[in-house]
């Protein structure tokens, strides 16, 4: 693991509990509701604007490999960018790596 990655992980620990990373888009009503719920339930989180600092390829790969969701669930299929790029037709022919790299190019592609 790279030194920078270790430092980032250790900064996220408070009292033995990892602080959750909350990726959000301020204009998204679902994100606004989620943030209110987290605050109301006193859940600590690190906030990150998904467009200003979109997830990296490495982060996306780790989340995908550690989770149980199909990669398609990572895509914002209702977003304009997804539709403009006609990804519904392109994704089936792309490898997992190509899809992860595409997701890392623009936070608006990520759900």
PDB file of N, CA and C in Angstrom:
ATOM      1  N   UNK A   1       0.846  -1.174   0.000  1.00  0.00           N
ATOM      2  CA  UNK A   1       0.000   0.000   0.000  1.00  0.00           C
ATOM      3  C   UNK A   1       0.891   1.237   0.000  1.00  0.00           C
ATOM      4  N   UNK A   2       0.541   2.235  -0.776  1.00  0.00           N
ATOM      5  CA  UNK A   2       1.327   3.459  -0.879  1.00  0.00           C
ATOM      6  C   UNK A   2       1.251   4.249   0.416  1.00  0.00           C
ATOM      7  N   UNK A   3       2.319   4.988   0.697  1.00  0.00           N
ATOM      8  CA  UNK A   3       2.374   5.761   1.934  1.00  0.00           C
ATOM      9  C   UNK A   3       1.218   6.748   2.032  1.00  0.00           C
ATOM     10  N   UNK A   4       0.883   7.397   0.933  1.00  0.00           N
ATOM     11  CA  UNK A   4      -0.221   8.351   0.933  1.00  0.00           C
ATOM     12  C   UNK A   4      -1.542   7.700   1.287  1.00  0.00           C
ATOM     13  N   UNK A   5      -1.741   6.495   0.819  1.00  0.00           N
ATOM     14  CA  UNK A   5      -2.982   5.770   1.092  1.00  0.00           C
ATOM     15  C   UNK A   5      -3.075   5.414   2.577  1.00  0.00           C
ATOM     16  N   UNK A   6      -1.950   4.981   3.156  1.00  0.00           N
ATOM     17  CA  UNK A   6      -1.940   4.646   4.576  1.00  0.00           C
ATOM     18  C   UNK A   6      -2.297   5.865   5.414  1.00  0.00           C
ATOM     19  N   UNK A   7      -1.741   7.018   5.046  1.00  0.00           N
ATOM     20  CA  UNK A   7      -2.006   8.236   5.799  1.00  0.00           C
ATOM     21  C   UNK A   7      -3.483   8.606   5.720  1.00  0.00           C
ATOM     22  N   UNK A   8      -4.063   8.465   4.557  1.00  0.00           N
ATOM     23  CA  UNK A   8      -5.469   8.810   4.387  1.00  0.00           C
ATOM     24  C   UNK A   8      -6.354   7.899   5.229  1.00  0.00           C
ATOM     25  N   UNK A   9      -6.050   6.614   5.234  1.00  0.00           N
ATOM     26  CA  UNK A   9      -6.850   5.670   6.007  1.00  0.00           C
ATOM     27  C   UNK A   9      -6.730   5.968   7.499  1.00  0.00           C
ATOM     28  N   UNK A  10      -5.523   6.212   7.978  1.00  0.00           N
ATOM     29  CA  UNK A  10      -5.346   6.445   9.408  1.00  0.00           C
ATOM     30  C   UNK A  10      -6.029   7.733   9.852  1.00  0.00           C
ATOM     31  N   UNK A  11      -6.126   8.739   8.985  1.00  0.00           N
ATOM     32  CA  UNK A  11      -6.802   9.983   9.334  1.00  0.00           C
ATOM     33  C   UNK A  11      -8.303   9.775   9.513  1.00  0.00           C
ATOM     34  N   UNK A  12      -8.841   8.724   8.914  1.00  0.00           N
ATOM     35  CA  UNK A  12     -10.273   8.492   8.968  1.00  0.00           C
ATOM     36  C   UNK A  12     -10.716   7.713  10.201  1.00  0.00           C
ATOM     37  N   UNK A  13      -9.822   7.373  11.079  1.00  0.00           N
ATOM     38  CA  UNK A  13     -10.183   6.607  12.256  1.00  0.00           C
ATOM     39  C   UNK A  13     -10.337   7.516  13.471  1.00  0.00           C
ATOM     40  N   UNK A  14     -11.461   7.383  14.150  1.00  0.00           N
ATOM     41  CA  UNK A  14     -11.739   8.139  15.362  1.00  0.00           C
ATOM     42  C   UNK A  14     -12.241   7.148  16.393  1.00  0.00           C
ATOM     43  N   UNK A  15     -11.461   6.942  17.419  1.00  0.00           N
ATOM     44  CA  UNK A  15     -11.863   6.024  18.470  1.00  0.00           C
ATOM     45  C   UNK A  15     -12.096   4.609  17.980  1.00  0.00           C
ATOM     46  N   UNK A  16     -11.341   4.180  16.972  1.00  0.00           N
ATOM     47  CA  UNK A  16     -11.459   2.824  16.466  1.00  0.00           C
ATOM     48  C   UNK A  16     -12.555   2.629  15.431  1.00  0.00           C
ATOM     49  N   UNK A  17     -13.331   3.664  15.165  1.00  0.00           N
ATOM     50  CA  UNK A  17     -14.406   3.554  14.181  1.00  0.00           C
ATOM     51  C   UNK A  17     -14.030   4.385  12.963  1.00  0.00           C
ATOM     52  N   UNK A  18     -14.071   3.758  11.791  1.00  0.00           N
ATOM     53  CA  UNK A  18     -13.728   4.476  10.571  1.00  0.00           C
ATOM     54  C   UNK A  18     -14.830   5.466  10.232  1.00  0.00           C
ATOM     55  N   UNK A  19     -14.418   6.673   9.897  1.00  0.00           N
ATOM     56  CA  UNK A  19     -15.354   7.712   9.492  1.00  0.00           C
ATOM     57  C   UNK A  19     -15.815   7.418   8.067  1.00  0.00           C
ATOM     58  N   UNK A  20     -17.101   7.467   7.850  1.00  0.00           N
ATOM     59  CA  UNK A  20     -17.678   7.163   6.550  1.00  0.00           C
ATOM     60  C   UNK A  20     -17.378   8.280   5.553  1.00  0.00           C
ATOM     61  N   UNK A  21     -17.140   7.898   4.311  1.00  0.00           N
ATOM     62  CA  UNK A  21     -16.955   8.862   3.233  1.00  0.00           C
ATOM     63  C   UNK A  21     -18.308   9.074   2.575  1.00  0.00           C
ATOM     64  N   UNK A  22     -18.782  10.318   2.593  1.00  0.00           N
ATOM     65  CA  UNK A  22     -20.072  10.664   2.002  1.00  0.00           C
ATOM     66  C   UNK A  22     -19.826  11.478   0.746  1.00  0.00           C
ATOM     67  N   UNK A  23     -20.012  10.838  -0.406  1.00  0.00           N
ATOM     68  CA  UNK A  23     -19.879  11.513  -1.691  1.00  0.00           C
ATOM     69  C   UNK A  23     -21.228  12.132  -2.020  1.00  0.00           C
ATOM     70  N   UNK A  24     -21.218  13.407  -2.386  1.00  0.00           N
ATOM     71  CA  UNK A  24     -22.500  14.049  -2.630  1.00  0.00           C
ATOM     72  C   UNK A  24     -22.426  15.068  -3.763  1.00  0.00           C
ATOM     73  N   UNK A  25     -23.584  15.382  -4.296  1.00  0.00           N
ATOM     74  CA  UNK A  25     -23.756  16.450  -5.270  1.00  0.00           C
ATOM     75  C   UNK A  25     -24.808  17.369  -4.656  1.00  0.00           C
ATOM     76  N   UNK A  26     -24.457  18.609  -4.334  1.00  0.00           N
ATOM     77  CA  UNK A  26     -25.355  19.489  -3.579  1.00  0.00           C
ATOM     78  C   UNK A  26     -26.747  19.688  -4.183  1.00  0.00           C
ATOM     79  N   UNK A  27     -26.887  19.609  -5.491  1.00  0.00           N
ATOM     80  CA  UNK A  27     -28.187  19.837  -6.129  1.00  0.00           C
ATOM     81  C   UNK A  27     -29.056  18.578  -6.163  1.00  0.00           C
ATOM     82  N   UNK A  28     -28.513  17.469  -5.717  1.00  0.00           N
ATOM     83  CA  UNK A  28     -29.226  16.190  -5.738  1.00  0.00           C
ATOM     84  C   UNK A  28     -30.124  16.078  -4.500  1.00  0.00           C
ATOM     85  N   UNK A  29     -31.425  15.913  -4.714  1.00  0.00           N
ATOM     86  CA  UNK A  29     -32.352  15.830  -3.584  1.00  0.00           C
ATOM     87  C   UNK A  29     -32.115  14.570  -2.747  1.00  0.00           C
ATOM     88  N   UNK A  30     -31.725  13.477  -3.376  1.00  0.00           N
ATOM     89  CA  UNK A  30     -31.424  12.250  -2.633  1.00  0.00           C
ATOM     90  C   UNK A  30     -30.216  12.463  -1.727  1.00  0.00           C
ATOM     91  N   UNK A  31     -29.205  13.161  -2.230  1.00  0.00           N
ATOM     92  CA  UNK A  31     -28.017  13.468  -1.426  1.00  0.00           C
ATOM     93  C   UNK A  31     -28.382  14.364  -0.243  1.00  0.00           C
ATOM     94  N   UNK A  32     -29.245  15.344  -0.480  1.00  0.00           N
ATOM     95  CA  UNK A  32     -29.678  16.250   0.585  1.00  0.00           C
ATOM     96  C   UNK A  32     -30.408  15.481   1.678  1.00  0.00           C
ATOM     97  N   UNK A  33     -31.283  14.558   1.279  1.00  0.00           N
ATOM     98  CA  UNK A  33     -32.019  13.741   2.250  1.00  0.00           C
ATOM     99  C   UNK A  33     -31.076  12.837   3.030  1.00  0.00           C
ATOM    100  N   UNK A  34     -30.116  12.245   2.333  1.00  0.00           N
ATOM    101  CA  UNK A  34     -29.157  11.356   2.999  1.00  0.00           C
ATOM    102  C   UNK A  34     -28.328  12.127   4.020  1.00  0.00           C
ATOM    103  N   UNK A  35     -27.894  13.321   3.645  1.00  0.00           N
ATOM    104  CA  UNK A  35     -27.090  14.144   4.558  1.00  0.00           C
ATOM    105  C   UNK A  35     -27.900  14.512   5.803  1.00  0.00           C
ATOM    106  N   UNK A  36     -29.159  14.886   5.620  1.00  0.00           N
ATOM    107  CA  UNK A  36     -30.026  15.209   6.763  1.00  0.00           C
ATOM    108  C   UNK A  36     -30.188  13.995   7.675  1.00  0.00           C
ATOM    109  N   UNK A  37     -30.351  12.811   7.075  1.00  0.00           N
ATOM    110  CA  UNK A  37     -30.514  11.593   7.862  1.00  0.00           C
ATOM    111  C   UNK A  37     -29.247  11.291   8.664  1.00  0.00           C
ATOM    112  N   UNK A  38     -28.088  11.407   8.013  1.00  0.00           N
ATOM    113  CA  UNK A  38     -26.822  11.162   8.711  1.00  0.00           C
ATOM    114  C   UNK A  38     -26.665  12.119   9.887  1.00  0.00           C
ATOM    115  N   UNK A  39     -26.951  13.398   9.645  1.00  0.00           N
ATOM    116  CA  UNK A  39     -26.836  14.398  10.707  1.00  0.00           C
ATOM    117  C   UNK A  39     -27.825  14.123  11.837  1.00  0.00           C
ATOM    118  N   UNK A  40     -29.064  13.805  11.494  1.00  0.00           N
ATOM    119  CA  UNK A  40     -30.094  13.537  12.501  1.00  0.00           C
ATOM    120  C   UNK A  40     -29.753  12.318  13.352  1.00  0.00           C
ATOM    121  N   UNK A  41     -29.022  11.375  12.769  1.00  0.00           N
ATOM    122  CA  UNK A  41     -28.640  10.157  13.489  1.00  0.00           C
ATOM    123  C   UNK A  41     -27.226  10.224  14.047  1.00  0.00           C
ATOM    124  N   UNK A  42     -26.644  11.421  14.029  1.00  0.00           N
ATOM    125  CA  UNK A  42     -25.319  11.683  14.607  1.00  0.00           C
ATOM    126  C   UNK A  42     -24.254  10.728  14.071  1.00  0.00           C
ATOM    127  N   UNK A  43     -24.307  10.497  12.774  1.00  0.00           N
ATOM    128  CA  UNK A  43     -23.322   9.633  12.129  1.00  0.00           C
ATOM    129  C   UNK A  43     -22.225  10.515  11.555  1.00  0.00           C
ATOM    130  N   UNK A  44     -21.015  10.261  11.983  1.00  0.00           N
ATOM    131  CA  UNK A  44     -19.864  11.048  11.556  1.00  0.00           C
ATOM    132  C   UNK A  44     -19.457  10.659  10.142  1.00  0.00           C
ATOM    133  N   UNK A  45     -19.134  11.652   9.329  1.00  0.00           N
ATOM    134  CA  UNK A  45     -18.740  11.371   7.953  1.00  0.00           C
ATOM    135  C   UNK A  45     -17.787  12.431   7.431  1.00  0.00           C
ATOM    136  N   UNK A  46     -17.024  12.025   6.442  1.00  0.00           N
ATOM    137  CA  UNK A  46     -16.168  12.942   5.696  1.00  0.00           C
ATOM    138  C   UNK A  46     -16.925  13.266   4.415  1.00  0.00           C
ATOM    139  N   UNK A  47     -17.167  14.541   4.187  1.00  0.00           N
ATOM    140  CA  UNK A  47     -17.959  14.986   3.045  1.00  0.00           C
ATOM    141  C   UNK A  47     -17.058  15.293   1.852  1.00  0.00           C
ATOM    142  N   UNK A  48     -17.460  14.817   0.665  1.00  0.00           N
ATOM    143  CA  UNK A  48     -16.680  15.094  -0.542  1.00  0.00           C
ATOM    144  C   UNK A  48     -17.607  15.344  -1.729  1.00  0.00           C
ATOM    145  N   UNK A  49     -17.445  16.493  -2.351  1.00  0.00           N
ATOM    146  CA  UNK A  49     -18.234  16.882  -3.531  1.00  0.00           C
ATOM    147  C   UNK A  49     -17.818  15.981  -4.689  1.00  0.00           C
ATOM    148  N   UNK A  50     -18.750  15.216  -5.217  1.00  0.00           N
ATOM    149  CA  UNK A  50     -18.441  14.177  -6.199  1.00  0.00           C
ATOM    150  C   UNK A  50     -17.970  14.727  -7.544  1.00  0.00           C
ATOM    151  N   UNK A  51     -18.324  15.975  -7.859  1.00  0.00           N
ATOM    152  CA  UNK A  51     -17.896  16.567  -9.125  1.00  0.00           C
ATOM    153  C   UNK A  51     -16.535  17.239  -8.971  1.00  0.00           C
ATOM    154  N   UNK A  52     -16.358  17.961  -7.868  1.00  0.00           N
ATOM    155  CA  UNK A  52     -15.091  18.658  -7.640  1.00  0.00           C
ATOM    156  C   UNK A  52     -13.949  17.693  -7.362  1.00  0.00           C
ATOM    157  N   UNK A  53     -14.264  16.581  -6.712  1.00  0.00           N
ATOM    158  CA  UNK A  53     -13.249  15.564  -6.402  1.00  0.00           C
ATOM    159  C   UNK A  53     -13.870  14.181  -6.615  1.00  0.00           C
ATOM    160  N   UNK A  54     -13.969  13.801  -7.897  1.00  0.00           N
ATOM    161  CA  UNK A  54     -14.616  12.526  -8.205  1.00  0.00           C
ATOM    162  C   UNK A  54     -13.777  11.347  -7.710  1.00  0.00           C
ATOM    163  N   UNK A  55     -14.425  10.210  -7.483  1.00  0.00           N
ATOM    164  CA  UNK A  55     -13.699   9.029  -7.019  1.00  0.00           C
ATOM    165  C   UNK A  55     -12.610   8.619  -8.011  1.00  0.00           C
ATOM    166  N   UNK A  56     -11.512   8.149  -7.477  1.00  0.00           N
ATOM    167  CA  UNK A  56     -10.405   7.696  -8.318  1.00  0.00           C
ATOM    168  C   UNK A  56     -10.673   6.273  -8.798  1.00  0.00           C
ATOM    169  N   UNK A  57      -9.925   5.873  -9.788  1.00  0.00           N
ATOM    170  CA  UNK A  57     -10.011   4.498 -10.284  1.00  0.00           C
ATOM    171  C   UNK A  57      -9.745   3.520  -9.137  1.00  0.00           C
ATOM    172  N   UNK A  58      -8.717   3.813  -8.339  1.00  0.00           N
ATOM    173  CA  UNK A  58      -8.343   2.919  -7.240  1.00  0.00           C
ATOM    174  C   UNK A  58      -9.470   2.799  -6.217  1.00  0.00           C
ATOM    175  N   UNK A  59     -10.092   3.923  -5.870  1.00  0.00           N
ATOM    176  CA  UNK A  59     -11.205   3.884  -4.919  1.00  0.00           C
ATOM    177  C   UNK A  59     -12.368   3.064  -5.482  1.00  0.00           C
ATOM    178  N   UNK A  60     -12.740   3.354  -6.711  1.00  0.00           N
ATOM    179  CA  UNK A  60     -13.855   2.643  -7.336  1.00  0.00           C
ATOM    180  C   UNK A  60     -13.589   1.143  -7.412  1.00  0.00           C
ATOM    181  N   UNK A  61     -12.372   0.791  -7.765  1.00  0.00           N
ATOM    182  CA  UNK A  61     -12.007  -0.627  -7.860  1.00  0.00           C
ATOM    183  C   UNK A  61     -12.126  -1.300  -6.493  1.00  0.00           C
ATOM    184  N   UNK A  62     -11.630  -0.633  -5.462  1.00  0.00           N
ATOM    185  CA  UNK A  62     -11.701  -1.191  -4.106  1.00  0.00           C
ATOM    186  C   UNK A  62     -13.158  -1.348  -3.662  1.00  0.00           C
ATOM    187  N   UNK A  63     -13.979  -0.343  -3.882  1.00  0.00           N
ATOM    188  CA  UNK A  63     -15.387  -0.415  -3.488  1.00  0.00           C
ATOM    189  C   UNK A  63     -16.098  -1.541  -4.229  1.00  0.00           C
ATOM    190  N   UNK A  64     -15.804  -1.676  -5.500  1.00  0.00           N
ATOM    191  CA  UNK A  64     -16.433  -2.723  -6.310  1.00  0.00           C
ATOM    192  C   UNK A  64     -16.005  -4.110  -5.827  1.00  0.00           C
ATOM    193  N   UNK A  65     -14.707  -4.286  -5.623  1.00  0.00           N
ATOM    194  CA  UNK A  65     -14.191  -5.593  -5.200  1.00  0.00           C
ATOM    195  C   UNK A  65     -14.629  -5.961  -3.790  1.00  0.00           C
ATOM    196  N   UNK A  66     -14.805  -4.984  -2.914  1.00  0.00           N
ATOM    197  CA  UNK A  66     -15.192  -5.253  -1.532  1.00  0.00           C
ATOM    198  C   UNK A  66     -16.706  -5.345  -1.341  1.00  0.00           C
ATOM    199  N   UNK A  67     -17.452  -4.965  -2.357  1.00  0.00           N
ATOM    200  CA  UNK A  67     -18.906  -4.982  -2.258  1.00  0.00           C
ATOM    201  C   UNK A  67     -19.504  -6.178  -2.968  1.00  0.00           C
ATOM    202  N   UNK A  68     -20.819  -6.182  -3.036  1.00  0.00           N
ATOM    203  CA  UNK A  68     -21.499  -7.285  -3.716  1.00  0.00           C
ATOM    204  C   UNK A  68     -22.456  -6.784  -4.802  1.00  0.00           C
ATOM    205  N   UNK A  69     -22.265  -5.537  -5.224  1.00  0.00           N
ATOM    206  CA  UNK A  69     -23.113  -4.971  -6.273  1.00  0.00           C
ATOM    207  C   UNK A  69     -22.504  -5.176  -7.649  1.00  0.00           C
ATOM    208  N   UNK A  70     -23.340  -5.365  -8.653  1.00  0.00           N
ATOM    209  CA  UNK A  70     -22.804  -5.411 -10.019  1.00  0.00           C
ATOM    210  C   UNK A  70     -22.278  -4.023 -10.389  1.00  0.00           C
ATOM    211  N   UNK A  71     -21.293  -3.983 -11.240  1.00  0.00           N
ATOM    212  CA  UNK A  71     -20.647  -2.726 -11.606  1.00  0.00           C
ATOM    213  C   UNK A  71     -21.638  -1.732 -12.218  1.00  0.00           C
ATOM    214  N   UNK A  72     -22.635  -2.217 -12.897  1.00  0.00           N
ATOM    215  CA  UNK A  72     -23.628  -1.321 -13.505  1.00  0.00           C
ATOM    216  C   UNK A  72     -24.311  -0.448 -12.456  1.00  0.00           C
ATOM    217  N   UNK A  73     -24.439  -0.942 -11.231  1.00  0.00           N
ATOM    218  CA  UNK A  73     -25.078  -0.182 -10.154  1.00  0.00           C
ATOM    219  C   UNK A  73     -24.266   1.048  -9.754  1.00  0.00           C
ATOM    220  N   UNK A  74     -23.003   1.106 -10.140  1.00  0.00           N
ATOM    221  CA  UNK A  74     -22.154   2.251  -9.832  1.00  0.00           C
ATOM    222  C   UNK A  74     -22.440   3.427 -10.770  1.00  0.00           C
ATOM    223  N   UNK A  75     -23.110   3.159 -11.874  1.00  0.00           N
ATOM    224  CA  UNK A  75     -23.387   4.191 -12.872  1.00  0.00           C
ATOM    225  C   UNK A  75     -24.695   4.915 -12.577  1.00  0.00           C
ATOM    226  N   UNK A  76     -24.671   6.228 -12.754  1.00  0.00           N
ATOM    227  CA  UNK A  76     -25.859   7.061 -12.627  1.00  0.00           C
ATOM    228  C   UNK A  76     -26.637   6.961 -13.939  1.00  0.00           C
ATOM    229  N   UNK A  77     -27.426   5.919 -14.058  1.00  0.00           N
ATOM    230  CA  UNK A  77     -28.109   5.621 -15.323  1.00  0.00           C
ATOM    231  C   UNK A  77     -29.185   6.637 -15.680  1.00  0.00           C
ATOM    232  N   UNK A  78     -29.610   7.447 -14.725  1.00  0.00           N
ATOM    233  CA  UNK A  78     -30.610   8.471 -15.027  1.00  0.00           C
ATOM    234  C   UNK A  78     -29.971   9.823 -15.331  1.00  0.00           C
ATOM    235  N   UNK A  79     -28.650   9.897 -15.237  1.00  0.00           N
ATOM    236  CA  UNK A  79     -27.951  11.156 -15.475  1.00  0.00           C
ATOM    237  C   UNK A  79     -27.825  11.522 -16.944  1.00  0.00           C
ATOM    238  N   UNK A  80     -27.718  12.819 -17.190  1.00  0.00           N
ATOM    239  CA  UNK A  80     -27.595  13.309 -18.569  1.00  0.00           C
ATOM    240  C   UNK A  80     -26.335  12.797 -19.249  1.00  0.00           C
ATOM    241  N   UNK A  81     -25.231  12.779 -18.519  1.00  0.00           N
ATOM    242  CA  UNK A  81     -23.960  12.355 -19.104  1.00  0.00           C
ATOM    243  C   UNK A  81     -24.019  10.894 -19.553  1.00  0.00           C
ATOM    244  N   UNK A  82     -24.624  10.050 -18.732  1.00  0.00           N
ATOM    245  CA  UNK A  82     -24.800   8.629 -19.071  1.00  0.00           C
ATOM    246  C   UNK A  82     -25.589   8.496 -20.373  1.00  0.00           C
ATOM    247  N   UNK A  83     -26.645   9.278 -20.474  1.00  0.00           N
ATOM    248  CA  UNK A  83     -27.504   9.218 -21.664  1.00  0.00           C
ATOM    249  C   UNK A  83     -26.813   9.822 -22.882  1.00  0.00           C
ATOM    250  N   UNK A  84     -26.131  10.964 -22.688  1.00  0.00           N
ATOM    251  CA  UNK A  84     -25.434  11.617 -23.802  1.00  0.00           C
ATOM    252  C   UNK A  84     -24.376  10.706 -24.417  1.00  0.00           C
ATOM    253  N   UNK A  85     -23.685   9.947 -23.559  1.00  0.00           N
ATOM    254  CA  UNK A  85     -22.624   9.061 -24.042  1.00  0.00           C
ATOM    255  C   UNK A  85     -23.161   7.702 -24.500  1.00  0.00           C
ATOM    256  N   UNK A  86     -24.477   7.531 -24.411  1.00  0.00           N
ATOM    257  CA  UNK A  86     -25.130   6.280 -24.836  1.00  0.00           C
ATOM    258  C   UNK A  86     -24.490   5.048 -24.178  1.00  0.00           C
ATOM    259  N   UNK A  87     -24.251   5.184 -22.873  1.00  0.00           N
ATOM    260  CA  UNK A  87     -23.553   4.122 -22.146  1.00  0.00           C
ATOM    261  C   UNK A  87     -24.389   2.855 -21.995  1.00  0.00           C
ATOM    262  N   UNK A  88     -25.691   2.981 -22.069  1.00  0.00           N
ATOM    263  CA  UNK A  88     -26.543   1.786 -21.994  1.00  0.00           C
ATOM    264  C   UNK A  88     -26.129   0.781 -23.070  1.00  0.00           C
ATOM    265  N   UNK A  89     -25.782   1.289 -24.241  1.00  0.00           N
ATOM    266  CA  UNK A  89     -25.382   0.425 -25.353  1.00  0.00           C
ATOM    267  C   UNK A  89     -23.907   0.045 -25.304  1.00  0.00           C
ATOM    268  N   UNK A  90     -23.076   0.898 -24.701  1.00  0.00           N
ATOM    269  CA  UNK A  90     -21.626   0.684 -24.717  1.00  0.00           C
ATOM    270  C   UNK A  90     -21.118  -0.202 -23.577  1.00  0.00           C
ATOM    271  N   UNK A  91     -21.738  -0.092 -22.399  1.00  0.00           N
ATOM    272  CA  UNK A  91     -21.229  -0.817 -21.226  1.00  0.00           C
ATOM    273  C   UNK A  91     -21.124  -2.327 -21.412  1.00  0.00           C
ATOM    274  N   UNK A  92     -22.093  -2.978 -22.040  1.00  0.00           N
ATOM    275  CA  UNK A  92     -21.988  -4.438 -22.185  1.00  0.00           C
ATOM    276  C   UNK A  92     -20.730  -4.902 -22.929  1.00  0.00           C
ATOM    277  N   UNK A  93     -20.189  -4.052 -23.782  1.00  0.00           N
ATOM    278  CA  UNK A  93     -18.995  -4.415 -24.550  1.00  0.00           C
ATOM    279  C   UNK A  93     -17.697  -3.963 -23.887  1.00  0.00           C
ATOM    280  N   UNK A  94     -17.799  -3.311 -22.736  1.00  0.00           N
ATOM    281  CA  UNK A  94     -16.610  -2.808 -22.044  1.00  0.00           C
ATOM    282  C   UNK A  94     -16.181  -3.774 -20.946  1.00  0.00           C
ATOM    283  N   UNK A  95     -14.875  -3.867 -20.727  1.00  0.00           N
ATOM    284  CA  UNK A  95     -14.353  -4.687 -19.630  1.00  0.00           C
ATOM    285  C   UNK A  95     -14.625  -3.971 -18.304  1.00  0.00           C
ATOM    286  N   UNK A  96     -14.480  -4.696 -17.199  1.00  0.00           N
ATOM    287  CA  UNK A  96     -14.647  -4.081 -15.882  1.00  0.00           C
ATOM    288  C   UNK A  96     -13.654  -2.942 -15.706  1.00  0.00           C
ATOM    289  N   UNK A  97     -12.415  -3.156 -16.120  1.00  0.00           N
ATOM    290  CA  UNK A  97     -11.403  -2.108 -15.975  1.00  0.00           C
ATOM    291  C   UNK A  97     -11.785  -0.868 -16.776  1.00  0.00           C
ATOM    292  N   UNK A  98     -12.256  -1.055 -17.988  1.00  0.00           N
ATOM    293  CA  UNK A  98     -12.675   0.086 -18.816  1.00  0.00           C
ATOM    294  C   UNK A  98     -13.837   0.838 -18.162  1.00  0.00           C
ATOM    295  N   UNK A  99     -14.762   0.104 -17.585  1.00  0.00           N
ATOM    296  CA  UNK A  99     -15.899   0.739 -16.913  1.00  0.00           C
ATOM    297  C   UNK A  99     -15.443   1.525 -15.685  1.00  0.00           C
ATOM    298  N   UNK A 100     -14.560   0.936 -14.894  1.00  0.00           N
ATOM    299  CA  UNK A 100     -14.046   1.627 -13.709  1.00  0.00           C
ATOM    300  C   UNK A 100     -13.271   2.882 -14.101  1.00  0.00           C
ATOM    301  N   UNK A 101     -12.471   2.780 -15.135  1.00  0.00           N
ATOM    302  CA  UNK A 101     -11.712   3.948 -15.608  1.00  0.00           C
ATOM    303  C   UNK A 101     -12.651   5.039 -16.123  1.00  0.00           C
ATOM    304  N   UNK A 102     -13.715   4.644 -16.789  1.00  0.00           N
ATOM    305  CA  UNK A 102     -14.705   5.611 -17.266  1.00  0.00           C
ATOM    306  C   UNK A 102     -15.384   6.308 -16.086  1.00  0.00           C
ATOM    307  N   UNK A 103     -15.790   5.547 -15.087  1.00  0.00           N
ATOM    308  CA  UNK A 103     -16.408   6.129 -13.893  1.00  0.00           C
ATOM    309  C   UNK A 103     -15.493   7.158 -13.231  1.00  0.00           C
ATOM    310  N   UNK A 104     -14.198   6.892 -13.249  1.00  0.00           N
ATOM    311  CA  UNK A 104     -13.229   7.778 -12.597  1.00  0.00           C
ATOM    312  C   UNK A 104     -13.011   9.084 -13.359  1.00  0.00           C
ATOM    313  N   UNK A 105     -13.534   9.187 -14.575  1.00  0.00           N
ATOM    314  CA  UNK A 105     -13.315  10.403 -15.367  1.00  0.00           C
ATOM    315  C   UNK A 105     -14.255  11.535 -14.992  1.00  0.00           C
ATOM    316  N   UNK A 106     -15.421  11.211 -14.421  1.00  0.00           N
ATOM    317  CA  UNK A 106     -16.399  12.254 -14.135  1.00  0.00           C
ATOM    318  C   UNK A 106     -17.347  11.782 -13.037  1.00  0.00           C
ATOM    319  N   UNK A 107     -17.386  12.527 -11.947  1.00  0.00           N
ATOM    320  CA  UNK A 107     -18.237  12.168 -10.819  1.00  0.00           C
ATOM    321  C   UNK A 107     -19.720  12.102 -11.152  1.00  0.00           C
ATOM    322  N   UNK A 108     -20.143  12.787 -12.222  1.00  0.00           N
ATOM    323  CA  UNK A 108     -21.560  12.765 -12.593  1.00  0.00           C
ATOM    324  C   UNK A 108     -21.980  11.423 -13.196  1.00  0.00           C
ATOM    325  N   UNK A 109     -21.021  10.579 -13.509  1.00  0.00           N
ATOM    326  CA  UNK A 109     -21.343   9.227 -13.986  1.00  0.00           C
ATOM    327  C   UNK A 109     -21.621   8.277 -12.827  1.00  0.00           C
ATOM    328  N   UNK A 110     -21.171   8.651 -11.633  1.00  0.00           N
ATOM    329  CA  UNK A 110     -21.241   7.769 -10.464  1.00  0.00           C
ATOM    330  C   UNK A 110     -22.550   7.973  -9.715  1.00  0.00           C
ATOM    331  N   UNK A 111     -23.173   6.863  -9.341  1.00  0.00           N
ATOM    332  CA  UNK A 111     -24.424   6.917  -8.569  1.00  0.00           C
ATOM    333  C   UNK A 111     -24.105   6.904  -7.097  1.00  0.00           C
TER     334      UNK A 111
END
